Amino acid sequence: IDIARNYRINHRIRAPEVLLVQRTSNGATSSTAMQRNEALNLAQEAGLDLVEVGPDQNPPVVRMMDYGKFKFDQSKRAKEARKASRATSELKKVRLTPKIAENDIQQKTKRVLGFLQDGAKVQVFVRFRGREQAHPEIAMDVLRRVATGVAEYARLEQKPVMEGRMLSMMLAPRAGISRPASKAVAVEPRHRNRRRNGESTESAETETREPVAQSV
């Protein structure tokens, strides 16, 4: 059925005789010629609409369905297809810095998550300035934290690589992911090295995410 067309339904069907096409219990298709009023009664008993899907046939072909739900579902699918097409045709980019503040990395991670839920791939990169390039492990940790925060929705398509003065990774949305109700993004705290009694200890939360977090 072409969703763009407006079909005659129920009492708007003018032909006195119609060909009712429907599926049987075993999945086969049956066609039965009958009076329009008889077909309308069958549709009403089933709590469905009678839709004229083949107006040019003789007699016109009709089907029984929940037409309102059908129109809604088809419109939703068409909208999602258009959104996915736009998203996949455009690469999103999110820039970070090695010394990014905690609240900023939260916001950037939410932005990455939004792009992924819209179906877009996201290039997340850290650009170095001056002597920052001497400590790539700091930038690596920033990327890892972002990847961990969106691990439920993303897969790592390209591991972090150096390109000049930039360290970047590519994230792609997991199949079947759509935008849910807004929720907080969990970004683990920055690792800190502390000295106690002359010994160096590192505080880091236990990794609970998978695929992306473990790969970065």
N, C-alpha and C. Protein backbone atom coordinates (compact mmCIF):
# COMPACT_ATOMS: atom_id res chain seq x y z
N ILE A 1 0.84 -1.19 0.00
CA ILE A 1 0.00 0.00 0.00
C ILE A 1 0.88 1.24 0.00
N ASP A 2 0.54 2.20 -0.85
CA ASP A 2 1.28 3.45 -0.93
C ASP A 2 0.76 4.40 0.13
N ILE A 3 1.61 4.70 1.13
CA ILE A 3 1.16 5.52 2.25
C ILE A 3 0.84 6.95 1.81
N ALA A 4 1.42 7.40 0.69
CA ALA A 4 1.18 8.77 0.24
C ALA A 4 -0.23 8.94 -0.34
N ARG A 5 -0.86 7.86 -0.71
CA ARG A 5 -2.20 7.93 -1.29
C ARG A 5 -3.27 8.03 -0.20
N ASN A 6 -4.39 8.63 -0.57
CA ASN A 6 -5.55 8.66 0.31
C ASN A 6 -6.54 7.62 -0.20
N TYR A 7 -6.80 6.63 0.61
CA TYR A 7 -7.66 5.53 0.21
C TYR A 7 -9.09 5.75 0.70
N ARG A 8 -10.01 5.24 -0.07
CA ARG A 8 -11.40 5.23 0.39
C ARG A 8 -11.55 4.12 1.42
N ILE A 9 -12.18 4.45 2.53
CA ILE A 9 -12.35 3.45 3.58
C ILE A 9 -13.81 3.40 4.03
N ASN A 10 -14.19 2.23 4.51
CA ASN A 10 -15.52 2.01 5.08
C ASN A 10 -16.64 2.51 4.16
N HIS A 11 -17.51 3.40 4.65
CA HIS A 11 -18.68 3.82 3.86
C HIS A 11 -18.32 4.77 2.72
N ARG A 12 -17.07 5.17 2.62
CA ARG A 12 -16.65 5.99 1.48
C ARG A 12 -16.41 5.14 0.23
N ILE A 13 -16.35 3.84 0.41
CA ILE A 13 -16.21 2.94 -0.73
C ILE A 13 -17.55 2.93 -1.48
N ARG A 14 -17.51 3.29 -2.77
CA ARG A 14 -18.75 3.48 -3.53
C ARG A 14 -19.23 2.23 -4.26
N ALA A 15 -18.31 1.33 -4.62
CA ALA A 15 -18.70 0.16 -5.41
C ALA A 15 -19.65 -0.74 -4.62
N PRO A 16 -20.72 -1.21 -5.24
CA PRO A 16 -21.68 -2.08 -4.54
C PRO A 16 -21.13 -3.47 -4.28
N GLU A 17 -20.16 -3.90 -5.10
CA GLU A 17 -19.54 -5.21 -4.93
C GLU A 17 -18.03 -5.05 -4.84
N VAL A 18 -17.39 -5.82 -3.98
CA VAL A 18 -15.93 -5.71 -3.77
C VAL A 18 -15.32 -7.11 -3.72
N LEU A 19 -13.99 -7.15 -3.87
CA LEU A 19 -13.24 -8.40 -3.74
C LEU A 19 -12.43 -8.29 -2.45
N LEU A 20 -12.83 -9.01 -1.42
CA LEU A 20 -12.17 -8.95 -0.13
C LEU A 20 -10.97 -9.91 -0.11
N VAL A 21 -9.79 -9.34 0.09
CA VAL A 21 -8.55 -10.13 0.17
C VAL A 21 -8.11 -10.15 1.62
N GLN A 22 -7.86 -11.34 2.16
CA GLN A 22 -7.42 -11.46 3.55
C GLN A 22 -6.58 -12.71 3.73
N ARG A 23 -5.82 -12.72 4.80
CA ARG A 23 -4.98 -13.88 5.10
C ARG A 23 -5.74 -14.87 5.97
N THR A 24 -5.53 -16.14 5.67
CA THR A 24 -6.16 -17.19 6.46
C THR A 24 -5.27 -17.53 7.64
N SER A 25 -5.74 -18.41 8.50
CA SER A 25 -5.00 -18.77 9.71
C SER A 25 -3.67 -19.44 9.41
N ASN A 26 -3.55 -20.09 8.24
CA ASN A 26 -2.28 -20.75 7.90
C ASN A 26 -1.35 -19.85 7.09
N GLY A 27 -1.71 -18.56 6.97
CA GLY A 27 -0.84 -17.61 6.29
C GLY A 27 -1.10 -17.45 4.81
N ALA A 28 -2.02 -18.24 4.25
CA ALA A 28 -2.34 -18.13 2.83
C ALA A 28 -3.25 -16.92 2.60
N THR A 29 -3.38 -16.51 1.33
CA THR A 29 -4.23 -15.39 0.98
C THR A 29 -5.49 -15.89 0.28
N SER A 30 -6.63 -15.38 0.72
CA SER A 30 -7.90 -15.76 0.10
C SER A 30 -8.59 -14.53 -0.47
N SER A 31 -9.31 -14.70 -1.56
CA SER A 31 -10.05 -13.61 -2.20
C SER A 31 -11.51 -14.02 -2.36
N THR A 32 -12.40 -13.18 -1.88
CA THR A 32 -13.83 -13.50 -1.93
C THR A 32 -14.62 -12.30 -2.43
N ALA A 33 -15.38 -12.50 -3.51
CA ALA A 33 -16.24 -11.44 -4.03
C ALA A 33 -17.52 -11.40 -3.20
N MET A 34 -17.92 -10.21 -2.80
CA MET A 34 -19.13 -10.06 -1.98
C MET A 34 -19.66 -8.64 -2.08
N GLN A 35 -20.85 -8.44 -1.55
CA GLN A 35 -21.43 -7.11 -1.51
C GLN A 35 -20.64 -6.23 -0.53
N ARG A 36 -20.57 -4.95 -0.87
CA ARG A 36 -19.83 -4.02 -0.01
C ARG A 36 -20.34 -4.05 1.42
N ASN A 37 -21.64 -4.06 1.61
CA ASN A 37 -22.21 -4.03 2.95
C ASN A 37 -21.82 -5.27 3.75
N GLU A 38 -21.72 -6.41 3.06
CA GLU A 38 -21.31 -7.64 3.74
C GLU A 38 -19.86 -7.52 4.21
N ALA A 39 -19.01 -6.95 3.36
CA ALA A 39 -17.60 -6.76 3.73
C ALA A 39 -17.47 -5.77 4.88
N LEU A 40 -18.32 -4.73 4.85
CA LEU A 40 -18.31 -3.75 5.94
C LEU A 40 -18.70 -4.40 7.26
N ASN A 41 -19.68 -5.27 7.21
CA ASN A 41 -20.11 -5.95 8.44
C ASN A 41 -19.00 -6.83 9.00
N LEU A 42 -18.27 -7.52 8.11
CA LEU A 42 -17.16 -8.37 8.55
C LEU A 42 -16.08 -7.52 9.21
N ALA A 43 -15.78 -6.37 8.61
CA ALA A 43 -14.75 -5.48 9.17
C ALA A 43 -15.17 -4.95 10.53
N GLN A 44 -16.43 -4.55 10.64
CA GLN A 44 -16.92 -4.01 11.91
C GLN A 44 -16.91 -5.08 13.01
N GLU A 45 -17.27 -6.30 12.66
CA GLU A 45 -17.25 -7.39 13.63
C GLU A 45 -15.83 -7.67 14.13
N ALA A 46 -14.86 -7.45 13.24
CA ALA A 46 -13.46 -7.68 13.60
C ALA A 46 -12.82 -6.45 14.25
N GLY A 47 -13.58 -5.34 14.33
CA GLY A 47 -13.04 -4.12 14.91
C GLY A 47 -12.00 -3.46 14.02
N LEU A 48 -12.15 -3.64 12.69
CA LEU A 48 -11.18 -3.10 11.74
C LEU A 48 -11.87 -2.19 10.72
N ASP A 49 -11.04 -1.55 9.88
CA ASP A 49 -11.55 -0.72 8.79
C ASP A 49 -11.52 -1.52 7.50
N LEU A 50 -12.43 -1.19 6.60
CA LEU A 50 -12.42 -1.77 5.26
C LEU A 50 -11.77 -0.75 4.34
N VAL A 51 -10.64 -1.11 3.73
CA VAL A 51 -9.86 -0.17 2.93
C VAL A 51 -9.83 -0.62 1.48
N GLU A 52 -10.15 0.29 0.57
CA GLU A 52 -10.14 0.01 -0.87
C GLU A 52 -8.71 0.18 -1.39
N VAL A 53 -8.01 -0.93 -1.59
CA VAL A 53 -6.60 -0.87 -2.00
C VAL A 53 -6.41 -1.02 -3.50
N GLY A 54 -7.44 -1.52 -4.19
CA GLY A 54 -7.36 -1.67 -5.65
C GLY A 54 -8.57 -1.10 -6.32
N PRO A 55 -8.70 0.23 -6.36
CA PRO A 55 -9.90 0.86 -6.91
C PRO A 55 -10.10 0.64 -8.41
N ASP A 56 -9.03 0.34 -9.13
CA ASP A 56 -9.13 0.18 -10.58
C ASP A 56 -9.50 -1.24 -11.00
N GLN A 57 -9.56 -2.15 -10.04
CA GLN A 57 -9.94 -3.53 -10.36
C GLN A 57 -11.46 -3.65 -10.46
N ASN A 58 -11.90 -4.73 -11.04
CA ASN A 58 -13.34 -4.97 -11.18
C ASN A 58 -13.67 -6.39 -10.70
N PRO A 59 -14.26 -6.53 -9.52
CA PRO A 59 -14.64 -5.44 -8.60
C PRO A 59 -13.43 -4.90 -7.84
N PRO A 60 -13.55 -3.72 -7.22
CA PRO A 60 -12.44 -3.14 -6.47
C PRO A 60 -11.96 -4.07 -5.35
N VAL A 61 -10.65 -4.08 -5.15
CA VAL A 61 -10.05 -4.93 -4.12
C VAL A 61 -10.04 -4.19 -2.78
N VAL A 62 -10.46 -4.88 -1.73
CA VAL A 62 -10.48 -4.27 -0.40
C VAL A 62 -9.77 -5.18 0.60
N ARG A 63 -9.29 -4.58 1.67
CA ARG A 63 -8.66 -5.33 2.76
C ARG A 63 -9.20 -4.80 4.09
N MET A 64 -9.13 -5.65 5.11
CA MET A 64 -9.51 -5.23 6.46
C MET A 64 -8.24 -4.94 7.26
N MET A 65 -8.19 -3.78 7.91
CA MET A 65 -7.02 -3.40 8.71
C MET A 65 -7.38 -2.28 9.66
N ASP A 66 -6.51 -2.04 10.63
CA ASP A 66 -6.62 -0.87 11.50
C ASP A 66 -5.94 0.26 10.74
N TYR A 67 -6.72 1.02 9.98
CA TYR A 67 -6.14 2.00 9.06
C TYR A 67 -5.41 3.13 9.78
N GLY A 68 -5.95 3.57 10.91
CA GLY A 68 -5.29 4.64 11.66
C GLY A 68 -3.92 4.21 12.15
N LYS A 69 -3.83 3.00 12.69
CA LYS A 69 -2.55 2.48 13.17
C LYS A 69 -1.60 2.26 12.01
N PHE A 70 -2.14 1.77 10.89
CA PHE A 70 -1.31 1.56 9.70
C PHE A 70 -0.69 2.86 9.22
N LYS A 71 -1.50 3.92 9.11
CA LYS A 71 -0.99 5.22 8.67
C LYS A 71 0.07 5.74 9.63
N PHE A 72 -0.17 5.59 10.93
CA PHE A 72 0.78 6.06 11.93
C PHE A 72 2.10 5.31 11.83
N ASP A 73 2.04 3.98 11.74
CA ASP A 73 3.26 3.17 11.68
C ASP A 73 4.06 3.47 10.42
N GLN A 74 3.38 3.61 9.29
CA GLN A 74 4.08 3.88 8.04
C GLN A 74 4.70 5.27 8.05
N SER A 75 4.00 6.24 8.61
CA SER A 75 4.54 7.60 8.70
C SER A 75 5.77 7.63 9.60
N LYS A 76 5.71 6.87 10.69
CA LYS A 76 6.84 6.80 11.62
C LYS A 76 8.05 6.16 10.95
N ARG A 77 7.82 5.07 10.20
CA ARG A 77 8.92 4.40 9.51
C ARG A 77 9.55 5.32 8.46
N ALA A 78 8.71 6.05 7.73
CA ALA A 78 9.21 6.95 6.70
C ALA A 78 10.04 8.07 7.32
N LYS A 79 9.59 8.58 8.46
CA LYS A 79 10.32 9.64 9.16
C LYS A 79 11.67 9.14 9.65
N GLU A 80 11.69 7.93 10.22
CA GLU A 80 12.94 7.35 10.71
C GLU A 80 13.91 7.07 9.56
N ALA A 81 13.37 6.64 8.42
CA ALA A 81 14.22 6.37 7.26
C ALA A 81 14.86 7.65 6.74
N ARG A 82 14.08 8.74 6.70
CA ARG A 82 14.63 10.02 6.26
C ARG A 82 15.69 10.52 7.22
N LYS A 83 15.43 10.36 8.51
CA LYS A 83 16.40 10.80 9.52
C LYS A 83 17.69 10.01 9.43
N ALA A 84 17.56 8.69 9.26
CA ALA A 84 18.74 7.83 9.15
C ALA A 84 19.54 8.16 7.91
N SER A 85 18.84 8.47 6.82
CA SER A 85 19.51 8.81 5.56
C SER A 85 20.32 10.09 5.71
N ARG A 86 19.72 11.09 6.37
CA ARG A 86 20.44 12.35 6.59
C ARG A 86 21.64 12.15 7.51
N ALA A 87 21.45 11.35 8.54
CA ALA A 87 22.51 11.15 9.54
C ALA A 87 23.69 10.41 8.95
N THR A 88 23.43 9.34 8.18
CA THR A 88 24.53 8.54 7.64
C THR A 88 25.28 9.26 6.54
N SER A 89 24.66 10.26 5.94
CA SER A 89 25.34 10.98 4.86
C SER A 89 26.25 12.09 5.40
N GLU A 90 26.20 12.33 6.70
CA GLU A 90 26.99 13.41 7.29
C GLU A 90 27.76 12.91 8.51
N LEU A 91 29.06 13.11 8.52
CA LEU A 91 29.89 12.72 9.65
C LEU A 91 29.90 13.84 10.68
N LYS A 92 29.58 13.52 11.91
CA LYS A 92 29.60 14.50 12.98
C LYS A 92 30.98 14.50 13.63
N LYS A 93 31.42 15.66 14.09
CA LYS A 93 32.72 15.79 14.74
C LYS A 93 32.56 16.50 16.08
N VAL A 94 33.25 15.99 17.08
CA VAL A 94 33.23 16.59 18.41
C VAL A 94 34.67 16.78 18.86
N ARG A 95 35.02 18.01 19.17
CA ARG A 95 36.39 18.35 19.55
C ARG A 95 36.54 18.44 21.06
N LEU A 96 37.63 17.88 21.56
CA LEU A 96 37.96 17.92 22.98
C LEU A 96 39.36 18.49 23.16
N THR A 97 39.73 18.76 24.41
CA THR A 97 41.08 19.21 24.72
C THR A 97 41.65 18.32 25.81
N PRO A 98 42.98 18.19 25.89
CA PRO A 98 43.57 17.34 26.92
C PRO A 98 43.20 17.78 28.34
N LYS A 99 43.02 19.08 28.55
CA LYS A 99 42.74 19.60 29.89
C LYS A 99 41.26 19.95 30.07
N ILE A 100 40.40 19.23 29.39
CA ILE A 100 38.97 19.51 29.44
C ILE A 100 38.43 19.36 30.87
N ALA A 101 37.57 20.28 31.27
CA ALA A 101 36.99 20.26 32.62
C ALA A 101 35.95 19.15 32.73
N GLU A 102 35.67 18.74 33.97
CA GLU A 102 34.75 17.64 34.19
C GLU A 102 33.35 17.93 33.65
N ASN A 103 32.82 19.13 33.91
CA ASN A 103 31.48 19.44 33.42
C ASN A 103 31.44 19.53 31.90
N ASP A 104 32.56 19.97 31.29
CA ASP A 104 32.63 20.06 29.83
C ASP A 104 32.64 18.68 29.19
N ILE A 105 33.36 17.73 29.78
CA ILE A 105 33.40 16.39 29.20
C ILE A 105 32.03 15.71 29.32
N GLN A 106 31.29 16.05 30.38
CA GLN A 106 29.92 15.54 30.51
C GLN A 106 29.06 16.05 29.36
N GLN A 107 29.15 17.35 29.08
CA GLN A 107 28.36 17.94 28.02
C GLN A 107 28.75 17.41 26.65
N LYS A 108 30.06 17.26 26.42
CA LYS A 108 30.53 16.74 25.13
C LYS A 108 30.06 15.30 24.93
N THR A 109 30.08 14.51 26.01
CA THR A 109 29.65 13.12 25.91
C THR A 109 28.16 13.05 25.59
N LYS A 110 27.36 13.93 26.17
CA LYS A 110 25.93 13.97 25.85
C LYS A 110 25.72 14.33 24.39
N ARG A 111 26.57 15.22 23.89
CA ARG A 111 26.45 15.62 22.48
C ARG A 111 26.76 14.45 21.56
N VAL A 112 27.83 13.71 21.89
CA VAL A 112 28.18 12.52 21.12
C VAL A 112 27.04 11.52 21.14
N LEU A 113 26.46 11.32 22.32
CA LEU A 113 25.36 10.38 22.48
C LEU A 113 24.16 10.77 21.62
N GLY A 114 23.86 12.06 21.57
CA GLY A 114 22.74 12.53 20.75
C GLY A 114 22.94 12.23 19.28
N PHE A 115 24.17 12.46 18.78
CA PHE A 115 24.48 12.16 17.38
C PHE A 115 24.31 10.67 17.10
N LEU A 116 24.81 9.84 18.00
CA LEU A 116 24.73 8.39 17.82
C LEU A 116 23.28 7.92 17.79
N GLN A 117 22.46 8.47 18.68
CA GLN A 117 21.05 8.07 18.75
C GLN A 117 20.27 8.54 17.52
N ASP A 118 20.80 9.55 16.83
CA ASP A 118 20.20 10.00 15.58
C ASP A 118 20.68 9.19 14.39
N GLY A 119 21.59 8.24 14.66
CA GLY A 119 22.07 7.36 13.59
C GLY A 119 23.34 7.81 12.91
N ALA A 120 24.01 8.84 13.42
CA ALA A 120 25.21 9.37 12.78
C ALA A 120 26.49 8.77 13.36
N LYS A 121 27.50 8.69 12.52
CA LYS A 121 28.83 8.34 13.01
C LYS A 121 29.46 9.61 13.60
N VAL A 122 30.33 9.42 14.57
CA VAL A 122 30.93 10.58 15.24
C VAL A 122 32.44 10.41 15.32
N GLN A 123 33.16 11.42 14.84
CA GLN A 123 34.61 11.47 15.02
C GLN A 123 34.88 12.32 16.26
N VAL A 124 35.45 11.71 17.27
CA VAL A 124 35.80 12.42 18.50
C VAL A 124 37.30 12.60 18.50
N PHE A 125 37.76 13.84 18.64
CA PHE A 125 39.20 14.08 18.55
C PHE A 125 39.68 15.08 19.59
N VAL A 126 40.95 14.92 19.93
CA VAL A 126 41.63 15.83 20.85
C VAL A 126 42.74 16.53 20.08
N ARG A 127 42.73 17.84 20.07
CA ARG A 127 43.76 18.60 19.37
C ARG A 127 44.78 19.12 20.39
N PHE A 128 46.05 18.89 20.09
CA PHE A 128 47.13 19.29 21.00
C PHE A 128 47.62 20.69 20.67
N ARG A 129 48.03 21.39 21.72
CA ARG A 129 48.64 22.71 21.57
C ARG A 129 49.97 22.72 22.31
N GLY A 130 50.96 23.26 21.67
CA GLY A 130 52.27 23.38 22.30
C GLY A 130 52.81 22.07 22.81
N ARG A 131 53.18 22.05 24.09
CA ARG A 131 53.81 20.87 24.69
C ARG A 131 52.81 19.78 25.08
N GLU A 132 51.53 20.02 24.85
CA GLU A 132 50.53 19.00 25.20
C GLU A 132 50.76 17.70 24.45
N GLN A 133 51.37 17.80 23.27
CA GLN A 133 51.58 16.60 22.45
C GLN A 133 52.58 15.64 23.08
N ALA A 134 53.35 16.13 24.06
CA ALA A 134 54.33 15.27 24.73
C ALA A 134 53.65 14.29 25.69
N HIS A 135 52.36 14.49 25.94
CA HIS A 135 51.63 13.61 26.87
C HIS A 135 50.36 13.08 26.21
N PRO A 136 50.50 12.24 25.19
CA PRO A 136 49.31 11.70 24.49
C PRO A 136 48.45 10.82 25.38
N GLU A 137 49.03 10.29 26.47
CA GLU A 137 48.25 9.42 27.35
C GLU A 137 47.10 10.17 28.02
N ILE A 138 47.27 11.49 28.20
CA ILE A 138 46.19 12.29 28.79
C ILE A 138 45.01 12.37 27.83
N ALA A 139 45.33 12.63 26.56
CA ALA A 139 44.28 12.68 25.54
C ALA A 139 43.63 11.32 25.35
N MET A 140 44.44 10.26 25.44
CA MET A 140 43.91 8.91 25.30
C MET A 140 42.89 8.62 26.40
N ASP A 141 43.18 9.09 27.61
CA ASP A 141 42.26 8.87 28.72
C ASP A 141 40.97 9.64 28.52
N VAL A 142 41.06 10.84 27.95
CA VAL A 142 39.86 11.64 27.67
C VAL A 142 38.96 10.90 26.67
N LEU A 143 39.56 10.38 25.60
CA LEU A 143 38.78 9.64 24.60
C LEU A 143 38.16 8.39 25.20
N ARG A 144 38.95 7.71 26.04
CA ARG A 144 38.45 6.48 26.66
C ARG A 144 37.23 6.75 27.53
N ARG A 145 37.26 7.86 28.25
CA ARG A 145 36.15 8.20 29.14
C ARG A 145 34.88 8.52 28.34
N VAL A 146 35.04 9.21 27.21
CA VAL A 146 33.89 9.48 26.36
C VAL A 146 33.33 8.17 25.80
N ALA A 147 34.21 7.31 25.32
CA ALA A 147 33.78 6.03 24.75
C ALA A 147 33.06 5.19 25.79
N THR A 148 33.56 5.22 27.03
CA THR A 148 32.92 4.47 28.11
C THR A 148 31.52 5.01 28.38
N GLY A 149 31.38 6.33 28.33
CA GLY A 149 30.09 6.95 28.62
C GLY A 149 29.01 6.63 27.61
N VAL A 150 29.40 6.30 26.36
CA VAL A 150 28.40 6.00 25.32
C VAL A 150 28.46 4.55 24.87
N ALA A 151 29.15 3.70 25.64
CA ALA A 151 29.38 2.31 25.23
C ALA A 151 28.09 1.54 24.97
N GLU A 152 27.02 1.90 25.66
CA GLU A 152 25.75 1.20 25.48
C GLU A 152 25.16 1.45 24.09
N TYR A 153 25.53 2.58 23.50
CA TYR A 153 24.93 2.99 22.23
C TYR A 153 25.90 2.96 21.05
N ALA A 154 27.19 2.78 21.32
CA ALA A 154 28.18 2.91 20.24
C ALA A 154 29.11 1.71 20.15
N ARG A 155 29.65 1.55 18.97
CA ARG A 155 30.73 0.59 18.76
C ARG A 155 31.93 1.37 18.22
N LEU A 156 33.12 0.92 18.56
CA LEU A 156 34.33 1.60 18.14
C LEU A 156 34.67 1.17 16.72
N GLU A 157 34.48 2.07 15.77
CA GLU A 157 34.75 1.75 14.37
C GLU A 157 36.22 1.96 14.03
N GLN A 158 36.85 2.92 14.68
CA GLN A 158 38.28 3.16 14.47
C GLN A 158 38.93 3.52 15.80
N LYS A 159 39.93 2.76 16.18
CA LYS A 159 40.65 3.04 17.42
C LYS A 159 41.37 4.39 17.33
N PRO A 160 41.71 4.99 18.48
CA PRO A 160 42.42 6.27 18.47
C PRO A 160 43.72 6.21 17.68
N VAL A 161 43.89 7.16 16.78
CA VAL A 161 45.11 7.25 15.97
C VAL A 161 45.58 8.69 15.95
N MET A 162 46.90 8.87 15.83
CA MET A 162 47.48 10.21 15.76
C MET A 162 47.48 10.68 14.31
N GLU A 163 47.01 11.89 14.09
CA GLU A 163 47.03 12.53 12.78
C GLU A 163 47.57 13.93 12.98
N GLY A 164 48.87 14.09 12.80
CA GLY A 164 49.50 15.38 13.06
C GLY A 164 49.43 15.72 14.53
N ARG A 165 48.77 16.83 14.86
CA ARG A 165 48.63 17.25 16.25
C ARG A 165 47.24 16.90 16.79
N MET A 166 46.69 15.83 16.26
CA MET A 166 45.34 15.44 16.66
C MET A 166 45.26 13.93 16.91
N LEU A 167 44.61 13.55 18.01
CA LEU A 167 44.35 12.15 18.32
C LEU A 167 42.84 11.95 18.17
N SER A 168 42.44 11.03 17.30
CA SER A 168 41.01 10.88 17.03
C SER A 168 40.58 9.42 17.00
N MET A 169 39.29 9.21 17.26
CA MET A 169 38.67 7.88 17.15
C MET A 169 37.33 8.05 16.46
N MET A 170 36.81 6.96 15.91
CA MET A 170 35.53 7.00 15.22
C MET A 170 34.53 6.08 15.93
N LEU A 171 33.37 6.62 16.25
CA LEU A 171 32.30 5.86 16.89
C LEU A 171 31.13 5.72 15.92
N ALA A 172 30.51 4.56 15.91
CA ALA A 172 29.34 4.31 15.07
C ALA A 172 28.20 3.80 15.94
N PRO A 173 26.96 4.14 15.60
CA PRO A 173 25.83 3.69 16.43
C PRO A 173 25.62 2.19 16.34
N ARG A 174 25.23 1.60 17.45
CA ARG A 174 24.89 0.18 17.44
C ARG A 174 23.57 0.00 16.71
N ALA A 175 23.39 -1.15 16.08
CA ALA A 175 22.16 -1.43 15.34
C ALA A 175 20.96 -1.45 16.27
N GLY A 176 19.88 -0.84 15.81
CA GLY A 176 18.64 -0.88 16.58
C GLY A 176 18.54 0.15 17.68
N ILE A 177 19.53 1.06 17.77
CA ILE A 177 19.49 2.07 18.82
C ILE A 177 18.70 3.28 18.34
N SER A 178 17.77 3.76 19.15
CA SER A 178 17.02 4.97 18.85
C SER A 178 17.09 5.89 20.06
N ARG A 179 16.61 7.12 19.88
CA ARG A 179 16.70 8.09 20.97
C ARG A 179 15.65 7.80 22.04
N PRO A 180 16.08 7.43 23.26
CA PRO A 180 15.15 7.18 24.36
C PRO A 180 14.87 8.47 25.11
N ALA A 181 14.15 8.35 26.20
CA ALA A 181 13.94 9.52 27.05
C ALA A 181 15.28 9.99 27.58
N SER A 182 15.42 11.31 27.77
CA SER A 182 16.69 11.88 28.21
C SER A 182 17.12 11.29 29.54
N LYS A 183 18.40 10.94 29.62
CA LYS A 183 18.91 10.44 30.88
C LYS A 183 20.35 10.89 31.05
N ALA A 184 20.84 10.85 32.29
CA ALA A 184 22.19 11.30 32.57
C ALA A 184 23.21 10.38 31.94
N VAL A 185 24.32 10.96 31.49
CA VAL A 185 25.41 10.19 30.91
C VAL A 185 26.46 9.96 31.99
N ALA A 186 26.84 8.72 32.18
CA ALA A 186 27.83 8.39 33.21
C ALA A 186 29.23 8.46 32.62
N VAL A 187 29.99 9.46 33.03
CA VAL A 187 31.38 9.60 32.61
C VAL A 187 32.24 9.40 33.84
N GLU A 188 33.12 8.42 33.79
CA GLU A 188 33.94 8.12 34.96
C GLU A 188 34.89 9.27 35.24
N PRO A 189 35.28 9.47 36.51
CA PRO A 189 36.16 10.57 36.87
C PRO A 189 37.55 10.42 36.29
N ARG A 190 38.23 11.55 36.17
CA ARG A 190 39.59 11.55 35.64
C ARG A 190 40.51 10.78 36.58
N HIS A 191 41.43 10.01 36.02
CA HIS A 191 42.40 9.28 36.85
C HIS A 191 43.36 10.27 37.49
N ARG A 192 43.67 10.02 38.76
CA ARG A 192 44.63 10.87 39.47
C ARG A 192 45.69 10.00 40.13
N ASN A 193 46.93 10.43 40.07
CA ASN A 193 48.02 9.74 40.76
C ASN A 193 48.29 10.45 42.07
N ARG A 194 48.21 9.72 43.18
CA ARG A 194 48.43 10.32 44.50
C ARG A 194 49.55 9.59 45.21
N ARG A 195 50.28 10.29 46.05
CA ARG A 195 51.40 9.73 46.79
C ARG A 195 51.00 9.52 48.24
N ARG A 196 51.22 8.30 48.74
CA ARG A 196 50.97 7.99 50.14
C ARG A 196 52.14 7.19 50.67
N ASN A 197 52.78 7.74 51.71
CA ASN A 197 53.93 7.07 52.31
C ASN A 197 54.98 6.69 51.28
N GLY A 198 55.16 7.59 50.30
CA GLY A 198 56.20 7.36 49.29
C GLY A 198 55.78 6.44 48.19
N GLU A 199 54.54 5.88 48.22
CA GLU A 199 54.09 4.98 47.17
C GLU A 199 53.07 5.67 46.30
N SER A 200 53.09 5.35 45.00
CA SER A 200 52.16 5.93 44.06
C SER A 200 50.95 5.03 43.93
N THR A 201 49.75 5.62 44.12
CA THR A 201 48.52 4.84 43.96
C THR A 201 47.64 5.54 42.96
N GLU A 202 46.91 4.77 42.18
CA GLU A 202 46.04 5.33 41.15
C GLU A 202 44.59 5.03 41.50
N SER A 203 43.74 6.06 41.50
CA SER A 203 42.32 5.85 41.78
C SER A 203 41.56 5.81 40.47
N ALA A 204 40.84 4.73 40.27
CA ALA A 204 40.04 4.60 39.05
C ALA A 204 38.86 3.72 39.36
N GLU A 205 37.71 4.06 38.82
CA GLU A 205 36.53 3.26 39.05
C GLU A 205 36.59 1.99 38.23
N THR A 206 35.94 0.95 38.72
CA THR A 206 35.94 -0.33 38.02
C THR A 206 35.19 -0.21 36.72
N GLU A 207 35.75 -0.75 35.66
CA GLU A 207 35.11 -0.70 34.35
C GLU A 207 33.88 -1.60 34.36
N THR A 208 32.73 -1.03 33.99
CA THR A 208 31.51 -1.82 33.87
C THR A 208 30.99 -1.83 32.45
N ARG A 209 31.53 -0.94 31.63
CA ARG A 209 31.10 -0.91 30.24
C ARG A 209 31.82 -1.98 29.45
N GLU A 210 31.37 -2.24 28.23
CA GLU A 210 32.01 -3.23 27.39
C GLU A 210 32.34 -2.68 26.04
N PRO A 211 32.59 -3.54 25.02
CA PRO A 211 33.12 -3.27 23.70
C PRO A 211 33.94 -2.01 23.54
N VAL A 212 33.29 -0.83 23.52
CA VAL A 212 34.02 0.38 23.21
C VAL A 212 34.99 0.74 24.31
N ALA A 213 34.53 0.70 25.57
CA ALA A 213 35.37 1.11 26.68
C ALA A 213 36.61 0.26 26.77
N GLN A 214 36.50 -1.03 26.51
CA GLN A 214 37.64 -1.92 26.63
C GLN A 214 38.59 -1.78 25.46
N SER A 215 38.08 -1.28 24.34
CA SER A 215 38.91 -1.20 23.15
C SER A 215 39.73 0.06 23.08
N VAL A 216 39.22 1.16 23.73
CA VAL A 216 39.90 2.44 23.61
C VAL A 216 41.17 2.46 24.44
